[in-house]
Amino acid sequence: RRVSPDEDVRAQSWFTPNPGKPQEVPRKARYKHAMLKRGRGWSESDLDVALKAGDLLEAQHRKLSANAHAHGPVDRQAVHDALSTMDMVLRILLV
């Protein structure tokens, strides 16, 4: 939220709040705001990729959390995959 604070996102002319949850700033709006601030601008296709990568990252987080609570061995490849996904999302949003 530091890259795209609620107040900054809400202040954008393109931002339209959800009538059912007017205080909520959706991830799509946060991602778009972050991309607008990066040096190369933004595109709908980059935004789409970032959102889908964000969904993948959330799924990986759920998997890692479930493994942690199962008290079994650490799945190193799952951790590596999640870190790689995080790296990709951050590069899409910020570079």
N, C-alpha and C. Protein backbone atom coordinates (compact mmCIF):
# COMPACT_ATOMS: atom_id res chain seq x y z
N ARG A 1 0.82 -1.20 0.00
CA ARG A 1 0.00 0.00 0.00
C ARG A 1 0.85 1.26 0.00
N ARG A 2 2.13 1.09 0.19
CA ARG A 2 3.00 2.26 0.17
C ARG A 2 3.16 2.80 -1.24
N VAL A 3 3.18 1.92 -2.23
CA VAL A 3 3.33 2.36 -3.62
C VAL A 3 2.03 3.00 -4.11
N SER A 4 0.91 2.46 -3.67
CA SER A 4 -0.41 2.96 -4.10
C SER A 4 -1.32 3.15 -2.89
N PRO A 5 -1.08 4.21 -2.10
CA PRO A 5 -1.94 4.45 -0.94
C PRO A 5 -3.40 4.70 -1.35
N ASP A 6 -4.31 4.30 -0.48
CA ASP A 6 -5.74 4.46 -0.76
C ASP A 6 -6.08 5.86 -1.24
N GLU A 7 -5.59 6.86 -0.51
CA GLU A 7 -5.95 8.25 -0.84
C GLU A 7 -5.47 8.63 -2.23
N ASP A 8 -4.28 8.20 -2.60
CA ASP A 8 -3.74 8.52 -3.93
C ASP A 8 -4.54 7.84 -5.03
N VAL A 9 -4.91 6.59 -4.81
CA VAL A 9 -5.67 5.86 -5.82
C VAL A 9 -7.06 6.48 -5.98
N ARG A 10 -7.72 6.77 -4.87
CA ARG A 10 -9.06 7.37 -4.92
C ARG A 10 -9.05 8.74 -5.60
N ALA A 11 -7.93 9.45 -5.55
CA ALA A 11 -7.84 10.78 -6.13
C ALA A 11 -7.69 10.76 -7.66
N GLN A 12 -7.46 9.58 -8.24
CA GLN A 12 -7.28 9.50 -9.69
C GLN A 12 -8.60 9.69 -10.41
N SER A 13 -8.56 10.39 -11.54
CA SER A 13 -9.79 10.67 -12.31
C SER A 13 -10.43 9.39 -12.84
N TRP A 14 -9.64 8.35 -13.07
CA TRP A 14 -10.16 7.10 -13.61
C TRP A 14 -10.74 6.18 -12.53
N PHE A 15 -10.52 6.49 -11.25
CA PHE A 15 -10.96 5.60 -10.17
C PHE A 15 -12.47 5.71 -9.97
N THR A 16 -13.14 4.56 -9.96
CA THR A 16 -14.57 4.49 -9.68
C THR A 16 -14.78 3.54 -8.52
N PRO A 17 -15.27 4.05 -7.37
CA PRO A 17 -15.46 3.16 -6.22
C PRO A 17 -16.58 2.14 -6.45
N ASN A 18 -16.46 1.03 -5.78
CA ASN A 18 -17.49 0.00 -5.81
C ASN A 18 -18.63 0.50 -4.93
N PRO A 19 -19.85 0.63 -5.48
CA PRO A 19 -20.97 1.14 -4.66
C PRO A 19 -21.23 0.31 -3.40
N GLY A 20 -20.98 -0.98 -3.47
CA GLY A 20 -21.21 -1.85 -2.32
C GLY A 20 -20.14 -1.74 -1.25
N LYS A 21 -18.94 -1.33 -1.66
CA LYS A 21 -17.80 -1.20 -0.74
C LYS A 21 -17.03 0.07 -1.10
N PRO A 22 -17.60 1.24 -0.85
CA PRO A 22 -16.98 2.49 -1.30
C PRO A 22 -15.62 2.79 -0.68
N GLN A 23 -15.31 2.22 0.47
CA GLN A 23 -14.02 2.49 1.10
C GLN A 23 -12.91 1.56 0.59
N GLU A 24 -13.29 0.51 -0.10
CA GLU A 24 -12.32 -0.47 -0.58
C GLU A 24 -11.64 0.01 -1.86
N VAL A 25 -10.33 -0.17 -1.91
CA VAL A 25 -9.57 0.11 -3.13
C VAL A 25 -9.12 -1.25 -3.68
N PRO A 26 -9.70 -1.67 -4.81
CA PRO A 26 -9.38 -3.00 -5.33
C PRO A 26 -7.93 -3.12 -5.81
N ARG A 27 -7.47 -4.36 -5.83
CA ARG A 27 -6.10 -4.63 -6.27
C ARG A 27 -5.86 -4.10 -7.68
N LYS A 28 -6.85 -4.24 -8.57
CA LYS A 28 -6.68 -3.77 -9.95
C LYS A 28 -6.37 -2.27 -9.97
N ALA A 29 -7.06 -1.49 -9.15
CA ALA A 29 -6.81 -0.05 -9.10
C ALA A 29 -5.43 0.25 -8.52
N ARG A 30 -5.02 -0.50 -7.51
CA ARG A 30 -3.68 -0.32 -6.94
C ARG A 30 -2.60 -0.63 -7.96
N TYR A 31 -2.78 -1.73 -8.68
CA TYR A 31 -1.80 -2.12 -9.70
C TYR A 31 -1.72 -1.07 -10.79
N LYS A 32 -2.87 -0.60 -11.25
CA LYS A 32 -2.88 0.42 -12.31
C LYS A 32 -2.16 1.68 -11.84
N HIS A 33 -2.43 2.10 -10.63
CA HIS A 33 -1.79 3.30 -10.08
C HIS A 33 -0.27 3.11 -10.03
N ALA A 34 0.18 1.95 -9.57
CA ALA A 34 1.62 1.67 -9.51
C ALA A 34 2.23 1.72 -10.90
N MET A 35 1.55 1.14 -11.88
CA MET A 35 2.07 1.11 -13.24
C MET A 35 2.13 2.51 -13.87
N LEU A 36 1.17 3.34 -13.53
CA LEU A 36 1.18 4.70 -14.06
C LEU A 36 2.38 5.49 -13.56
N LYS A 37 2.88 5.11 -12.40
CA LYS A 37 4.02 5.82 -11.81
C LYS A 37 5.37 5.30 -12.32
N ARG A 38 5.38 4.13 -12.93
CA ARG A 38 6.66 3.57 -13.41
C ARG A 38 7.12 4.29 -14.67
N GLY A 39 8.38 4.17 -14.95
CA GLY A 39 9.00 4.91 -16.05
C GLY A 39 8.45 4.62 -17.43
N ARG A 40 8.02 3.40 -17.70
CA ARG A 40 7.58 3.06 -19.05
C ARG A 40 6.07 3.13 -19.25
N GLY A 41 5.35 3.67 -18.27
CA GLY A 41 3.91 3.79 -18.41
C GLY A 41 3.20 2.47 -18.15
N TRP A 42 1.97 2.36 -18.63
CA TRP A 42 1.19 1.16 -18.34
C TRP A 42 0.44 0.73 -19.59
N SER A 43 -0.03 -0.49 -19.59
CA SER A 43 -0.88 -1.01 -20.67
C SER A 43 -1.88 -1.97 -20.06
N GLU A 44 -3.00 -2.14 -20.75
CA GLU A 44 -4.01 -3.10 -20.27
C GLU A 44 -3.44 -4.50 -20.21
N SER A 45 -2.58 -4.86 -21.18
CA SER A 45 -2.03 -6.22 -21.18
C SER A 45 -1.08 -6.42 -19.99
N ASP A 46 -0.27 -5.42 -19.65
CA ASP A 46 0.58 -5.53 -18.46
C ASP A 46 -0.28 -5.65 -17.20
N LEU A 47 -1.34 -4.87 -17.14
CA LEU A 47 -2.24 -4.92 -15.99
C LEU A 47 -2.88 -6.30 -15.87
N ASP A 48 -3.30 -6.86 -16.99
CA ASP A 48 -3.91 -8.19 -17.00
C ASP A 48 -2.92 -9.24 -16.50
N VAL A 49 -1.67 -9.18 -16.99
CA VAL A 49 -0.65 -10.14 -16.57
C VAL A 49 -0.38 -9.99 -15.07
N ALA A 50 -0.26 -8.75 -14.60
CA ALA A 50 0.02 -8.50 -13.18
C ALA A 50 -1.11 -9.04 -12.30
N LEU A 51 -2.35 -8.84 -12.71
CA LEU A 51 -3.49 -9.34 -11.93
C LEU A 51 -3.50 -10.86 -11.87
N LYS A 52 -3.23 -11.49 -13.00
CA LYS A 52 -3.21 -12.96 -13.02
C LYS A 52 -2.03 -13.50 -12.21
N ALA A 53 -0.90 -12.82 -12.30
CA ALA A 53 0.26 -13.23 -11.49
C ALA A 53 -0.04 -13.03 -10.00
N GLY A 54 -0.78 -11.96 -9.67
CA GLY A 54 -1.19 -11.73 -8.29
C GLY A 54 -2.10 -12.84 -7.78
N ASP A 55 -3.00 -13.32 -8.66
CA ASP A 55 -3.86 -14.45 -8.28
C ASP A 55 -3.02 -15.70 -8.02
N LEU A 56 -2.03 -15.93 -8.89
CA LEU A 56 -1.14 -17.08 -8.71
C LEU A 56 -0.38 -16.95 -7.39
N LEU A 57 0.10 -15.76 -7.10
CA LEU A 57 0.84 -15.54 -5.86
C LEU A 57 -0.04 -15.82 -4.63
N GLU A 58 -1.30 -15.39 -4.68
CA GLU A 58 -2.21 -15.67 -3.57
C GLU A 58 -2.42 -17.18 -3.40
N ALA A 59 -2.55 -17.90 -4.50
CA ALA A 59 -2.72 -19.36 -4.43
C ALA A 59 -1.46 -20.01 -3.85
N GLN A 60 -0.29 -19.52 -4.25
CA GLN A 60 0.95 -20.06 -3.70
C GLN A 60 1.05 -19.77 -2.20
N HIS A 61 0.61 -18.60 -1.79
CA HIS A 61 0.62 -18.25 -0.36
C HIS A 61 -0.27 -19.20 0.44
N ARG A 62 -1.46 -19.47 -0.10
CA ARG A 62 -2.37 -20.41 0.59
C ARG A 62 -1.72 -21.79 0.72
N LYS A 63 -1.04 -22.22 -0.35
CA LYS A 63 -0.38 -23.53 -0.33
C LYS A 63 0.74 -23.54 0.72
N LEU A 64 1.55 -22.50 0.73
CA LEU A 64 2.65 -22.43 1.69
C LEU A 64 2.12 -22.36 3.12
N SER A 65 1.05 -21.61 3.34
CA SER A 65 0.46 -21.51 4.67
C SER A 65 -0.07 -22.86 5.13
N ALA A 66 -0.73 -23.58 4.23
CA ALA A 66 -1.26 -24.90 4.58
C ALA A 66 -0.12 -25.85 4.93
N ASN A 67 0.96 -25.79 4.16
CA ASN A 67 2.11 -26.65 4.45
C ASN A 67 2.73 -26.29 5.80
N ALA A 68 2.80 -25.02 6.11
CA ALA A 68 3.39 -24.59 7.39
C ALA A 68 2.57 -25.09 8.56
N HIS A 69 1.25 -25.11 8.41
CA HIS A 69 0.38 -25.56 9.50
C HIS A 69 0.32 -27.07 9.60
N ALA A 70 0.77 -27.77 8.56
CA ALA A 70 0.77 -29.23 8.59
C ALA A 70 1.99 -29.76 9.34
N HIS A 71 2.92 -28.87 9.68
CA HIS A 71 4.13 -29.22 10.44
C HIS A 71 4.98 -30.28 9.73
N GLY A 72 4.89 -30.31 8.41
CA GLY A 72 5.73 -31.23 7.65
C GLY A 72 6.99 -30.53 7.19
N PRO A 73 7.75 -31.18 6.35
CA PRO A 73 8.98 -30.57 5.83
C PRO A 73 8.64 -29.40 4.89
N VAL A 74 9.56 -28.47 4.82
CA VAL A 74 9.38 -27.31 3.95
C VAL A 74 9.53 -27.74 2.50
N ASP A 75 8.59 -27.36 1.69
CA ASP A 75 8.65 -27.65 0.26
C ASP A 75 9.46 -26.53 -0.40
N ARG A 76 10.75 -26.76 -0.52
CA ARG A 76 11.66 -25.71 -1.01
C ARG A 76 11.28 -25.22 -2.40
N GLN A 77 10.84 -26.11 -3.26
CA GLN A 77 10.49 -25.69 -4.62
C GLN A 77 9.27 -24.77 -4.59
N ALA A 78 8.29 -25.05 -3.73
CA ALA A 78 7.12 -24.18 -3.62
C ALA A 78 7.52 -22.79 -3.13
N VAL A 79 8.46 -22.73 -2.19
CA VAL A 79 8.95 -21.44 -1.70
C VAL A 79 9.67 -20.71 -2.83
N HIS A 80 10.52 -21.41 -3.55
CA HIS A 80 11.25 -20.81 -4.67
C HIS A 80 10.28 -20.30 -5.74
N ASP A 81 9.25 -21.08 -6.05
CA ASP A 81 8.26 -20.66 -7.04
C ASP A 81 7.53 -19.39 -6.60
N ALA A 82 7.16 -19.33 -5.33
CA ALA A 82 6.47 -18.14 -4.81
C ALA A 82 7.37 -16.91 -4.88
N LEU A 83 8.64 -17.07 -4.55
CA LEU A 83 9.58 -15.95 -4.64
C LEU A 83 9.76 -15.49 -6.08
N SER A 84 9.81 -16.44 -7.01
CA SER A 84 9.94 -16.09 -8.42
C SER A 84 8.70 -15.34 -8.91
N THR A 85 7.52 -15.78 -8.47
CA THR A 85 6.29 -15.09 -8.84
C THR A 85 6.27 -13.68 -8.27
N MET A 86 6.68 -13.53 -7.01
CA MET A 86 6.73 -12.20 -6.39
C MET A 86 7.67 -11.29 -7.16
N ASP A 87 8.82 -11.81 -7.54
CA ASP A 87 9.78 -11.03 -8.31
C ASP A 87 9.15 -10.56 -9.63
N MET A 88 8.43 -11.45 -10.30
CA MET A 88 7.80 -11.10 -11.57
C MET A 88 6.74 -10.01 -11.36
N VAL A 89 5.89 -10.17 -10.36
CA VAL A 89 4.85 -9.18 -10.10
C VAL A 89 5.47 -7.81 -9.82
N LEU A 90 6.49 -7.78 -8.99
CA LEU A 90 7.13 -6.49 -8.66
C LEU A 90 7.78 -5.85 -9.89
N ARG A 91 8.41 -6.66 -10.74
CA ARG A 91 9.02 -6.09 -11.95
C ARG A 91 7.95 -5.54 -12.89
N ILE A 92 6.84 -6.24 -13.03
CA ILE A 92 5.76 -5.75 -13.90
C ILE A 92 5.21 -4.44 -13.35
N LEU A 93 5.03 -4.37 -12.05
CA LEU A 93 4.42 -3.17 -11.45
C LEU A 93 5.36 -1.99 -11.39
N LEU A 94 6.63 -2.22 -11.13
CA LEU A 94 7.50 -1.12 -10.77
C LEU A 94 8.59 -0.77 -11.78
N VAL A 95 8.91 -1.65 -12.70
CA VAL A 95 10.04 -1.38 -13.60
C VAL A 95 9.53 -1.03 -14.99
